[in-house]
PDB file of N, CA and C in Angstrom:
ATOM      1  N   MET A   1       5.191  75.134  38.245  1.00  0.00           N
ATOM      2  CA  MET A   1       4.645  74.049  39.035  1.00  0.00           C
ATOM      3  C   MET A   1       5.637  72.892  38.992  1.00  0.00           C
ATOM      4  N   PHE A   2       5.721  72.166  40.118  1.00  0.00           N
ATOM      5  CA  PHE A   2       6.579  70.994  40.213  1.00  0.00           C
ATOM      6  C   PHE A   2       5.785  69.790  40.685  1.00  0.00           C
ATOM      7  N   ALA A   3       6.186  68.622  40.199  1.00  0.00           N
ATOM      8  CA  ALA A   3       5.588  67.360  40.630  1.00  0.00           C
ATOM      9  C   ALA A   3       6.642  66.585  41.421  1.00  0.00           C
ATOM     10  N   ARG A   4       6.188  65.925  42.475  1.00  0.00           N
ATOM     11  CA  ARG A   4       7.049  65.104  43.337  1.00  0.00           C
ATOM     12  C   ARG A   4       6.516  63.682  43.263  1.00  0.00           C
ATOM     13  N   GLU A   5       7.351  62.732  42.816  1.00  0.00           N
ATOM     14  CA  GLU A   5       6.914  61.349  42.609  1.00  0.00           C
ATOM     15  C   GLU A   5       7.607  60.420  43.600  1.00  0.00           C
ATOM     16  N   TRP A   6       6.804  59.612  44.284  1.00  0.00           N
ATOM     17  CA  TRP A   6       7.314  58.595  45.213  1.00  0.00           C
ATOM     18  C   TRP A   6       6.601  57.282  44.938  1.00  0.00           C
ATOM     19  N   LYS A   7       7.333  56.167  45.067  1.00  0.00           N
ATOM     20  CA  LYS A   7       6.749  54.843  44.832  1.00  0.00           C
ATOM     21  C   LYS A   7       7.041  53.919  45.999  1.00  0.00           C
ATOM     22  N   THR A   8       6.134  52.973  46.170  1.00  0.00           N
ATOM     23  CA  THR A   8       6.349  51.893  47.115  1.00  0.00           C
ATOM     24  C   THR A   8       5.683  50.640  46.588  1.00  0.00           C
ATOM     25  N   ARG A   9       6.111  49.529  47.088  1.00  0.00           N
ATOM     26  CA  ARG A   9       5.456  48.261  46.787  1.00  0.00           C
ATOM     27  C   ARG A   9       4.953  47.675  48.098  1.00  0.00           C
ATOM     28  N   CYS A  10       3.845  46.948  48.022  1.00  0.00           N
ATOM     29  CA  CYS A  10       3.320  46.278  49.211  1.00  0.00           C
ATOM     30  C   CYS A  10       2.568  45.026  48.770  1.00  0.00           C
ATOM     31  N   PRO A  11       2.409  44.079  49.686  1.00  0.00           N
ATOM     32  CA  PRO A  11       1.602  42.904  49.350  1.00  0.00           C
ATOM     33  C   PRO A  11       0.190  43.344  48.965  1.00  0.00           C
ATOM     34  N   LYS A  12      -0.395  42.646  48.010  1.00  0.00           N
ATOM     35  CA  LYS A  12      -1.732  43.008  47.523  1.00  0.00           C
ATOM     36  C   LYS A  12      -2.764  43.077  48.637  1.00  0.00           C
ATOM     37  N   HIS A  13      -2.639  42.205  49.627  1.00  0.00           N
ATOM     38  CA  HIS A  13      -3.649  42.185  50.694  1.00  0.00           C
ATOM     39  C   HIS A  13      -3.569  43.430  51.588  1.00  0.00           C
ATOM     40  N   HIS A  14      -2.508  44.227  51.469  1.00  0.00           N
ATOM     41  CA  HIS A  14      -2.394  45.480  52.230  1.00  0.00           C
ATOM     42  C   HIS A  14      -2.734  46.712  51.384  1.00  0.00           C
ATOM     43  N   LYS A  15      -2.971  46.537  50.101  1.00  0.00           N
ATOM     44  CA  LYS A  15      -3.137  47.674  49.185  1.00  0.00           C
ATOM     45  C   LYS A  15      -4.210  48.651  49.657  1.00  0.00           C
ATOM     46  N   ASP A  16      -5.423  48.193  49.866  1.00  0.00           N
ATOM     47  CA  ASP A  16      -6.520  49.101  50.225  1.00  0.00           C
ATOM     48  C   ASP A  16      -6.274  49.779  51.567  1.00  0.00           C
ATOM     49  N   GLY A  17      -5.768  49.022  52.534  1.00  0.00           N
ATOM     50  CA  GLY A  17      -5.475  49.601  53.843  1.00  0.00           C
ATOM     51  C   GLY A  17      -4.379  50.643  53.765  1.00  0.00           C
ATOM     52  N   PHE A  18      -3.346  50.366  52.974  1.00  0.00           N
ATOM     53  CA  PHE A  18      -2.275  51.341  52.857  1.00  0.00           C
ATOM     54  C   PHE A  18      -2.744  52.605  52.150  1.00  0.00           C
ATOM     55  N   ILE A  19      -3.565  52.474  51.132  1.00  0.00           N
ATOM     56  CA  ILE A  19      -4.060  53.673  50.442  1.00  0.00           C
ATOM     57  C   ILE A  19      -4.885  54.531  51.394  1.00  0.00           C
ATOM     58  N   ARG A  20      -5.719  53.920  52.222  1.00  0.00           N
ATOM     59  CA  ARG A  20      -6.466  54.689  53.232  1.00  0.00           C
ATOM     60  C   ARG A  20      -5.496  55.390  54.183  1.00  0.00           C
ATOM     61  N   TYR A  21      -4.474  54.675  54.610  1.00  0.00           N
ATOM     62  CA  TYR A  21      -3.462  55.225  55.509  1.00  0.00           C
ATOM     63  C   TYR A  21      -2.685  56.352  54.823  1.00  0.00           C
ATOM     64  N   LEU A  22      -2.407  56.209  53.544  1.00  0.00           N
ATOM     65  CA  LEU A  22      -1.700  57.241  52.796  1.00  0.00           C
ATOM     66  C   LEU A  22      -2.498  58.544  52.773  1.00  0.00           C
ATOM     67  N   TYR A  23      -3.807  58.444  52.650  1.00  0.00           N
ATOM     68  CA  TYR A  23      -4.653  59.642  52.727  1.00  0.00           C
ATOM     69  C   TYR A  23      -4.548  60.294  54.102  1.00  0.00           C
ATOM     70  N   GLN A  24      -4.496  59.487  55.153  1.00  0.00           N
ATOM     71  CA  GLN A  24      -4.456  60.012  56.525  1.00  0.00           C
ATOM     72  C   GLN A  24      -3.105  60.615  56.881  1.00  0.00           C
ATOM     73  N   THR A  25      -2.047  60.221  56.200  1.00  0.00           N
ATOM     74  CA  THR A  25      -0.705  60.698  56.537  1.00  0.00           C
ATOM     75  C   THR A  25      -0.180  61.619  55.444  1.00  0.00           C
ATOM     76  N   GLY A  26       0.349  61.054  54.386  1.00  0.00           N
ATOM     77  CA  GLY A  26       1.011  61.832  53.343  1.00  0.00           C
ATOM     78  C   GLY A  26       0.129  62.873  52.683  1.00  0.00           C
ATOM     79  N   ILE A  27      -1.072  62.525  52.340  1.00  0.00           N
ATOM     80  CA  ILE A  27      -1.964  63.493  51.674  1.00  0.00           C
ATOM     81  C   ILE A  27      -2.372  64.588  52.647  1.00  0.00           C
ATOM     82  N   ARG A  28      -2.735  64.211  53.857  1.00  0.00           N
ATOM     83  CA  ARG A  28      -3.149  65.210  54.862  1.00  0.00           C
ATOM     84  C   ARG A  28      -2.008  66.169  55.169  1.00  0.00           C
ATOM     85  N   ASP A  29      -0.799  65.627  55.379  1.00  0.00           N
ATOM     86  CA  ASP A  29       0.342  66.479  55.703  1.00  0.00           C
ATOM     87  C   ASP A  29       0.702  67.412  54.558  1.00  0.00           C
ATOM     88  N   THR A  30       0.676  66.902  53.339  1.00  0.00           N
ATOM     89  CA  THR A  30       1.010  67.772  52.208  1.00  0.00           C
ATOM     90  C   THR A  30      -0.061  68.832  52.013  1.00  0.00           C
ATOM     91  N   ALA A  31      -1.311  68.475  52.199  1.00  0.00           N
ATOM     92  CA  ALA A  31      -2.409  69.428  51.992  1.00  0.00           C
ATOM     93  C   ALA A  31      -2.338  70.597  52.968  1.00  0.00           C
ATOM     94  N   MET A  32      -1.696  70.408  54.112  1.00  0.00           N
ATOM     95  CA  MET A  32      -1.577  71.480  55.104  1.00  0.00           C
ATOM     96  C   MET A  32      -0.357  72.361  54.855  1.00  0.00           C
ATOM     97  N   THR A  33       0.409  72.086  53.810  1.00  0.00           N
ATOM     98  CA  THR A  33       1.625  72.839  53.508  1.00  0.00           C
ATOM     99  C   THR A  33       1.318  73.887  52.441  1.00  0.00           C
ATOM    100  N   ASP A  34       1.733  75.115  52.700  1.00  0.00           N
ATOM    101  CA  ASP A  34       1.546  76.177  51.710  1.00  0.00           C
ATOM    102  C   ASP A  34       2.200  75.782  50.391  1.00  0.00           C
ATOM    103  N   GLY A  35       1.517  76.048  49.297  1.00  0.00           N
ATOM    104  CA  GLY A  35       2.047  75.751  47.977  1.00  0.00           C
ATOM    105  C   GLY A  35       1.664  74.394  47.437  1.00  0.00           C
ATOM    106  N   PHE A  36       0.957  73.581  48.245  1.00  0.00           N
ATOM    107  CA  PHE A  36       0.472  72.278  47.778  1.00  0.00           C
ATOM    108  C   PHE A  36      -0.683  72.514  46.821  1.00  0.00           C
ATOM    109  N   LEU A  37      -0.644  71.860  45.660  1.00  0.00           N
ATOM    110  CA  LEU A  37      -1.658  72.081  44.637  1.00  0.00           C
ATOM    111  C   LEU A  37      -2.549  70.870  44.371  1.00  0.00           C
ATOM    112  N   GLY A  38      -2.186  69.701  44.877  1.00  0.00           N
ATOM    113  CA  GLY A  38      -2.999  68.516  44.648  1.00  0.00           C
ATOM    114  C   GLY A  38      -2.151  67.261  44.620  1.00  0.00           C
ATOM    115  N   ALA A  39      -2.841  66.120  44.479  1.00  0.00           N
ATOM    116  CA  ALA A  39      -2.140  64.834  44.491  1.00  0.00           C
ATOM    117  C   ALA A  39      -2.880  63.830  43.627  1.00  0.00           C
ATOM    118  N   GLN A  40      -2.135  62.838  43.193  1.00  0.00           N
ATOM    119  CA  GLN A  40      -2.696  61.693  42.486  1.00  0.00           C
ATOM    120  C   GLN A  40      -2.070  60.435  43.067  1.00  0.00           C
ATOM    121  N   ILE A  41      -2.888  59.401  43.236  1.00  0.00           N
ATOM    122  CA  ILE A  41      -2.391  58.096  43.653  1.00  0.00           C
ATOM    123  C   ILE A  41      -2.711  57.124  42.532  1.00  0.00           C
ATOM    124  N   MET A  42      -1.691  56.400  42.104  1.00  0.00           N
ATOM    125  CA  MET A  42      -1.868  55.414  41.040  1.00  0.00           C
ATOM    126  C   MET A  42      -1.409  54.056  41.548  1.00  0.00           C
ATOM    127  N   VAL A  43      -2.089  53.001  41.090  1.00  0.00           N
ATOM    128  CA  VAL A  43      -1.776  51.649  41.539  1.00  0.00           C
ATOM    129  C   VAL A  43      -1.596  50.748  40.326  1.00  0.00           C
ATOM    130  N   ARG A  44      -0.587  49.908  40.422  1.00  0.00           N
ATOM    131  CA  ARG A  44      -0.347  48.900  39.399  1.00  0.00           C
ATOM    132  C   ARG A  44      -0.169  47.573  40.129  1.00  0.00           C
ATOM    133  N   ASP A  45      -1.051  46.619  39.849  1.00  0.00           N
ATOM    134  CA  ASP A  45      -0.986  45.316  40.497  1.00  0.00           C
ATOM    135  C   ASP A  45      -0.118  44.351  39.719  1.00  0.00           C
ATOM    136  N   TRP A  46       0.656  43.575  40.466  1.00  0.00           N
ATOM    137  CA  TRP A  46       1.453  42.488  39.917  1.00  0.00           C
ATOM    138  C   TRP A  46       0.878  41.194  40.456  1.00  0.00           C
ATOM    139  N   GLN A  47       1.603  40.116  40.371  1.00  0.00           N
ATOM    140  CA  GLN A  47       1.076  38.820  40.800  1.00  0.00           C
ATOM    141  C   GLN A  47       0.609  38.840  42.246  1.00  0.00           C
ATOM    142  N   ASP A  48       1.487  39.141  43.164  1.00  0.00           N
ATOM    143  CA  ASP A  48       1.099  39.126  44.575  1.00  0.00           C
ATOM    144  C   ASP A  48       1.399  40.436  45.287  1.00  0.00           C
ATOM    145  N   SER A  49       1.748  41.477  44.515  1.00  0.00           N
ATOM    146  CA  SER A  49       2.042  42.763  45.128  1.00  0.00           C
ATOM    147  C   SER A  49       1.437  43.891  44.304  1.00  0.00           C
ATOM    148  N   SER A  50       1.438  45.051  44.920  1.00  0.00           N
ATOM    149  CA  SER A  50       0.939  46.259  44.261  1.00  0.00           C
ATOM    150  C   SER A  50       2.015  47.323  44.323  1.00  0.00           C
ATOM    151  N   GLU A  51       2.182  48.055  43.235  1.00  0.00           N
ATOM    152  CA  GLU A  51       3.063  49.221  43.213  1.00  0.00           C
ATOM    153  C   GLU A  51       2.169  50.441  43.317  1.00  0.00           C
ATOM    154  N   ILE A  52       2.450  51.278  44.290  1.00  0.00           N
ATOM    155  CA  ILE A  52       1.644  52.474  44.530  1.00  0.00           C
ATOM    156  C   ILE A  52       2.529  53.686  44.281  1.00  0.00           C
ATOM    157  N   THR A  53       2.039  54.579  43.443  1.00  0.00           N
ATOM    158  CA  THR A  53       2.769  55.803  43.115  1.00  0.00           C
ATOM    159  C   THR A  53       1.968  56.993  43.613  1.00  0.00           C
ATOM    160  N   LEU A  54       2.639  57.854  44.358  1.00  0.00           N
ATOM    161  CA  LEU A  54       2.037  59.098  44.836  1.00  0.00           C
ATOM    162  C   LEU A  54       2.727  60.245  44.114  1.00  0.00           C
ATOM    163  N   ILE A  55       1.940  61.064  43.444  1.00  0.00           N
ATOM    164  CA  ILE A  55       2.470  62.269  42.807  1.00  0.00           C
ATOM    165  C   ILE A  55       1.769  63.460  43.439  1.00  0.00           C
ATOM    166  N   THR A  56       2.568  64.361  43.989  1.00  0.00           N
ATOM    167  CA  THR A  56       2.019  65.588  44.544  1.00  0.00           C
ATOM    168  C   THR A  56       2.474  66.755  43.680  1.00  0.00           C
ATOM    169  N   PHE A  57       1.680  67.800  43.667  1.00  0.00           N
ATOM    170  CA  PHE A  57       1.951  68.967  42.831  1.00  0.00           C
ATOM    171  C   PHE A  57       2.136  70.188  43.727  1.00  0.00           C
ATOM    172  N   TRP A  58       3.124  71.018  43.362  1.00  0.00           N
ATOM    173  CA  TRP A  58       3.557  72.124  44.207  1.00  0.00           C
ATOM    174  C   TRP A  58       3.808  73.383  43.386  1.00  0.00           C
ATOM    175  N   ASP A  59       3.639  74.533  44.037  1.00  0.00           N
ATOM    176  CA  ASP A  59       3.943  75.817  43.392  1.00  0.00           C
ATOM    177  C   ASP A  59       5.407  75.916  42.989  1.00  0.00           C
ATOM    178  N   ASN A  60       6.309  75.535  43.909  1.00  0.00           N
ATOM    179  CA  ASN A  60       7.740  75.675  43.646  1.00  0.00           C
ATOM    180  C   ASN A  60       8.537  74.756  44.572  1.00  0.00           C
ATOM    181  N   LEU A  61       9.847  74.710  44.372  1.00  0.00           N
ATOM    182  CA  LEU A  61      10.694  73.822  45.161  1.00  0.00           C
ATOM    183  C   LEU A  61      10.792  74.245  46.621  1.00  0.00           C
ATOM    184  N   GLU A  62      10.676  75.519  46.902  1.00  0.00           N
ATOM    185  CA  GLU A  62      10.709  75.986  48.295  1.00  0.00           C
ATOM    186  C   GLU A  62       9.515  75.436  49.078  1.00  0.00           C
ATOM    187  N   CYS A  63       8.374  75.310  48.435  1.00  0.00           N
ATOM    188  CA  CYS A  63       7.193  74.731  49.091  1.00  0.00           C
ATOM    189  C   CYS A  63       7.436  73.256  49.408  1.00  0.00           C
ATOM    190  N   ILE A  64       8.108  72.570  48.504  1.00  0.00           N
ATOM    191  CA  ILE A  64       8.439  71.163  48.756  1.00  0.00           C
ATOM    192  C   ILE A  64       9.384  71.055  49.946  1.00  0.00           C
ATOM    193  N   LYS A  65      10.356  71.959  50.050  1.00  0.00           N
ATOM    194  CA  LYS A  65      11.271  71.959  51.195  1.00  0.00           C
ATOM    195  C   LYS A  65      10.529  72.159  52.508  1.00  0.00           C
ATOM    196  N   ALA A  66       9.488  72.973  52.485  1.00  0.00           N
ATOM    197  CA  ALA A  66       8.709  73.194  53.704  1.00  0.00           C
ATOM    198  C   ALA A  66       8.050  71.899  54.177  1.00  0.00           C
ATOM    199  N   PHE A  67       7.728  71.032  53.244  1.00  0.00           N
ATOM    200  CA  PHE A  67       7.130  69.736  53.584  1.00  0.00           C
ATOM    201  C   PHE A  67       8.193  68.679  53.872  1.00  0.00           C
ATOM    202  N   ALA A  68       9.181  68.555  52.990  1.00  0.00           N
ATOM    203  CA  ALA A  68      10.103  67.421  53.004  1.00  0.00           C
ATOM    204  C   ALA A  68      11.393  67.669  53.766  1.00  0.00           C
ATOM    205  N   GLY A  69      11.739  68.920  53.994  1.00  0.00           N
ATOM    206  CA  GLY A  69      13.024  69.233  54.599  1.00  0.00           C
ATOM    207  C   GLY A  69      14.015  69.683  53.552  1.00  0.00           C
ATOM    208  N   GLU A  70      15.215  70.004  53.998  1.00  0.00           N
ATOM    209  CA  GLU A  70      16.224  70.599  53.120  1.00  0.00           C
ATOM    210  C   GLU A  70      16.591  69.700  51.937  1.00  0.00           C
ATOM    211  N   ASP A  71      16.746  68.391  52.183  1.00  0.00           N
ATOM    212  CA  ASP A  71      17.084  67.456  51.093  1.00  0.00           C
ATOM    213  C   ASP A  71      15.795  66.873  50.536  1.00  0.00           C
ATOM    214  N   ILE A  72      15.269  67.513  49.520  1.00  0.00           N
ATOM    215  CA  ILE A  72      13.960  67.111  48.986  1.00  0.00           C
ATOM    216  C   ILE A  72      13.999  65.794  48.216  1.00  0.00           C
ATOM    217  N   SER A  73      15.194  65.261  47.989  1.00  0.00           N
ATOM    218  CA  SER A  73      15.290  63.991  47.258  1.00  0.00           C
ATOM    219  C   SER A  73      15.030  62.774  48.150  1.00  0.00           C
ATOM    220  N   VAL A  74      15.000  62.978  49.460  1.00  0.00           N
ATOM    221  CA  VAL A  74      14.781  61.882  50.404  1.00  0.00           C
ATOM    222  C   VAL A  74      13.283  61.753  50.677  1.00  0.00           C
ATOM    223  N   ALA A  75      12.784  60.533  50.596  1.00  0.00           N
ATOM    224  CA  ALA A  75      11.361  60.286  50.848  1.00  0.00           C
ATOM    225  C   ALA A  75      11.027  60.551  52.307  1.00  0.00           C
ATOM    226  N   ARG A  76       9.854  61.078  52.535  1.00  0.00           N
ATOM    227  CA  ARG A  76       9.351  61.288  53.892  1.00  0.00           C
ATOM    228  C   ARG A  76       8.494  60.082  54.242  1.00  0.00           C
ATOM    229  N   LEU A  77       9.016  59.224  55.103  1.00  0.00           N
ATOM    230  CA  LEU A  77       8.313  58.001  55.491  1.00  0.00           C
ATOM    231  C   LEU A  77       7.727  58.172  56.887  1.00  0.00           C
ATOM    232  N   TYR A  78       6.775  57.317  57.226  1.00  0.00           N
ATOM    233  CA  TYR A  78       6.092  57.377  58.505  1.00  0.00           C
ATOM    234  C   TYR A  78       6.344  56.082  59.276  1.00  0.00           C
ATOM    235  N   PRO A  79       6.449  56.150  60.607  1.00  0.00           N
ATOM    236  CA  PRO A  79       6.777  54.951  61.404  1.00  0.00           C
ATOM    237  C   PRO A  79       5.806  53.789  61.193  1.00  0.00           C
ATOM    238  N   GLU A  80       4.547  54.082  60.997  1.00  0.00           N
ATOM    239  CA  GLU A  80       3.547  53.023  60.853  1.00  0.00           C
ATOM    240  C   GLU A  80       3.558  52.361  59.476  1.00  0.00           C
ATOM    241  N   ASP A  81       4.369  52.859  58.567  1.00  0.00           N
ATOM    242  CA  ASP A  81       4.461  52.261  57.226  1.00  0.00           C
ATOM    243  C   ASP A  81       4.773  50.766  57.303  1.00  0.00           C
ATOM    244  N   GLN A  82       5.557  50.377  58.297  1.00  0.00           N
ATOM    245  CA  GLN A  82       5.975  48.974  58.403  1.00  0.00           C
ATOM    246  C   GLN A  82       4.802  48.017  58.605  1.00  0.00           C
ATOM    247  N   VAL A  83       3.684  48.515  59.128  1.00  0.00           N
ATOM    248  CA  VAL A  83       2.497  47.673  59.322  1.00  0.00           C
ATOM    249  C   VAL A  83       2.027  47.092  57.987  1.00  0.00           C
ATOM    250  N   TYR A  84       2.242  47.829  56.912  1.00  0.00           N
ATOM    251  CA  TYR A  84       1.767  47.431  55.589  1.00  0.00           C
ATOM    252  C   TYR A  84       2.823  46.673  54.781  1.00  0.00           C
ATOM    253  N   GLU A  85       3.923  46.310  55.436  1.00  0.00           N
ATOM    254  CA  GLU A  85       4.989  45.527  54.802  1.00  0.00           C
ATOM    255  C   GLU A  85       5.480  46.183  53.509  1.00  0.00           C
ATOM    256  N   LEU A  86       5.691  47.486  53.579  1.00  0.00           N
ATOM    257  CA  LEU A  86       6.108  48.242  52.401  1.00  0.00           C
ATOM    258  C   LEU A  86       7.544  47.945  52.012  1.00  0.00           C
ATOM    259  N   ASP A  87       7.786  48.110  50.735  1.00  0.00           N
ATOM    260  CA  ASP A  87       9.141  48.142  50.184  1.00  0.00           C
ATOM    261  C   ASP A  87       9.258  49.504  49.504  1.00  0.00           C
ATOM    262  N   PRO A  88       9.476  50.561  50.303  1.00  0.00           N
ATOM    263  CA  PRO A  88       9.409  51.915  49.755  1.00  0.00           C
ATOM    264  C   PRO A  88      10.694  52.344  49.065  1.00  0.00           C
ATOM    265  N   ASP A  89      10.541  53.157  48.043  1.00  0.00           N
ATOM    266  CA  ASP A  89      11.698  53.807  47.464  1.00  0.00           C
ATOM    267  C   ASP A  89      12.174  54.848  48.481  1.00  0.00           C
ATOM    268  N   PRO A  90      13.466  54.877  48.793  1.00  0.00           N
ATOM    269  CA  PRO A  90      13.945  55.843  49.781  1.00  0.00           C
ATOM    270  C   PRO A  90      14.090  57.258  49.224  1.00  0.00           C
ATOM    271  N   PHE A  91      14.028  57.367  47.899  1.00  0.00           N
ATOM    272  CA  PHE A  91      14.184  58.669  47.256  1.00  0.00           C
ATOM    273  C   PHE A  91      12.964  59.001  46.418  1.00  0.00           C
ATOM    274  N   VAL A  92      12.801  60.279  46.137  1.00  0.00           N
ATOM    275  CA  VAL A  92      11.708  60.753  45.292  1.00  0.00           C
ATOM    276  C   VAL A  92      12.310  61.493  44.094  1.00  0.00           C
ATOM    277  N   PHE A  93      11.491  61.667  43.084  1.00  0.00           N
ATOM    278  CA  PHE A  93      11.914  62.397  41.889  1.00  0.00           C
ATOM    279  C   PHE A  93      11.055  63.641  41.754  1.00  0.00           C
ATOM    280  N   HIS A  94      11.660  64.691  41.232  1.00  0.00           N
ATOM    281  CA  HIS A  94      10.958  65.954  41.029  1.00  0.00           C
ATOM    282  C   HIS A  94      11.019  66.328  39.551  1.00  0.00           C
ATOM    283  N   TYR A  95       9.923  66.887  39.091  1.00  0.00           N
ATOM    284  CA  TYR A  95       9.803  67.269  37.680  1.00  0.00           C
ATOM    285  C   TYR A  95       9.201  68.664  37.597  1.00  0.00           C
ATOM    286  N   GLU A  96       9.702  69.464  36.695  1.00  0.00           N
ATOM    287  CA  GLU A  96       9.024  70.706  36.382  1.00  0.00           C
ATOM    288  C   GLU A  96       7.873  70.355  35.458  1.00  0.00           C
ATOM    289  N   VAL A  97       6.694  70.785  35.790  1.00  0.00           N
ATOM    290  CA  VAL A  97       5.508  70.484  34.984  1.00  0.00           C
ATOM    291  C   VAL A  97       5.400  71.570  33.917  1.00  0.00           C
ATOM    292  N   VAL A  98       5.479  71.160  32.670  1.00  0.00           N
ATOM    293  CA  VAL A  98       5.382  72.124  31.575  1.00  0.00           C
ATOM    294  C   VAL A  98       3.994  72.165  30.949  1.00  0.00           C
ATOM    295  N   GLU A  99       3.197  71.145  31.230  1.00  0.00           N
ATOM    296  CA  GLU A  99       1.807  71.121  30.749  1.00  0.00           C
ATOM    297  C   GLU A  99       0.986  70.349  31.766  1.00  0.00           C
ATOM    298  N   HIS A 100      -0.151  70.899  32.129  1.00  0.00           N
ATOM    299  CA  HIS A 100      -1.035  70.274  33.095  1.00  0.00           C
ATOM    300  C   HIS A 100      -2.475  70.573  32.666  1.00  0.00           C
ATOM    301  N   THR A 101      -3.076  69.654  31.947  1.00  0.00           N
ATOM    302  CA  THR A 101      -4.403  69.876  31.380  1.00  0.00           C
ATOM    303  C   THR A 101      -5.345  68.779  31.798  1.00  0.00           C
ATOM    304  N   TYR A 102      -6.512  69.147  32.252  1.00  0.00           N
ATOM    305  CA  TYR A 102      -7.595  68.188  32.500  1.00  0.00           C
ATOM    306  C   TYR A 102      -8.729  68.517  31.545  1.00  0.00           C
ATOM    307  N   ILE A 103      -9.271  67.507  30.954  1.00  0.00           N
ATOM    308  CA  ILE A 103     -10.368  67.737  30.004  1.00  0.00           C
ATOM    309  C   ILE A 103     -11.660  67.258  30.627  1.00  0.00           C
TER     310      ILE A 103
END
């Protein structure tokens, strides 16, 4: 199993709207890709902005390529992202998951 991590920052007043939009775009698109195993969205608030982290889980790197394209290190952004005044990371990180336990 592999995890794909992407981060963005946005003004706090856009946080809830962007998270709803993230479900409609990134989560929906990944969920329709073979080998997608799930996702987590985490938020960390700062003074006037929020950092949003999306982690998706995949069977293997080939499944990630089916979603992201040949260069899986490049973030897949959407044209409407600019509405939320994002400061997105242009790259993503991938990790081999060696333990995945829910209690």
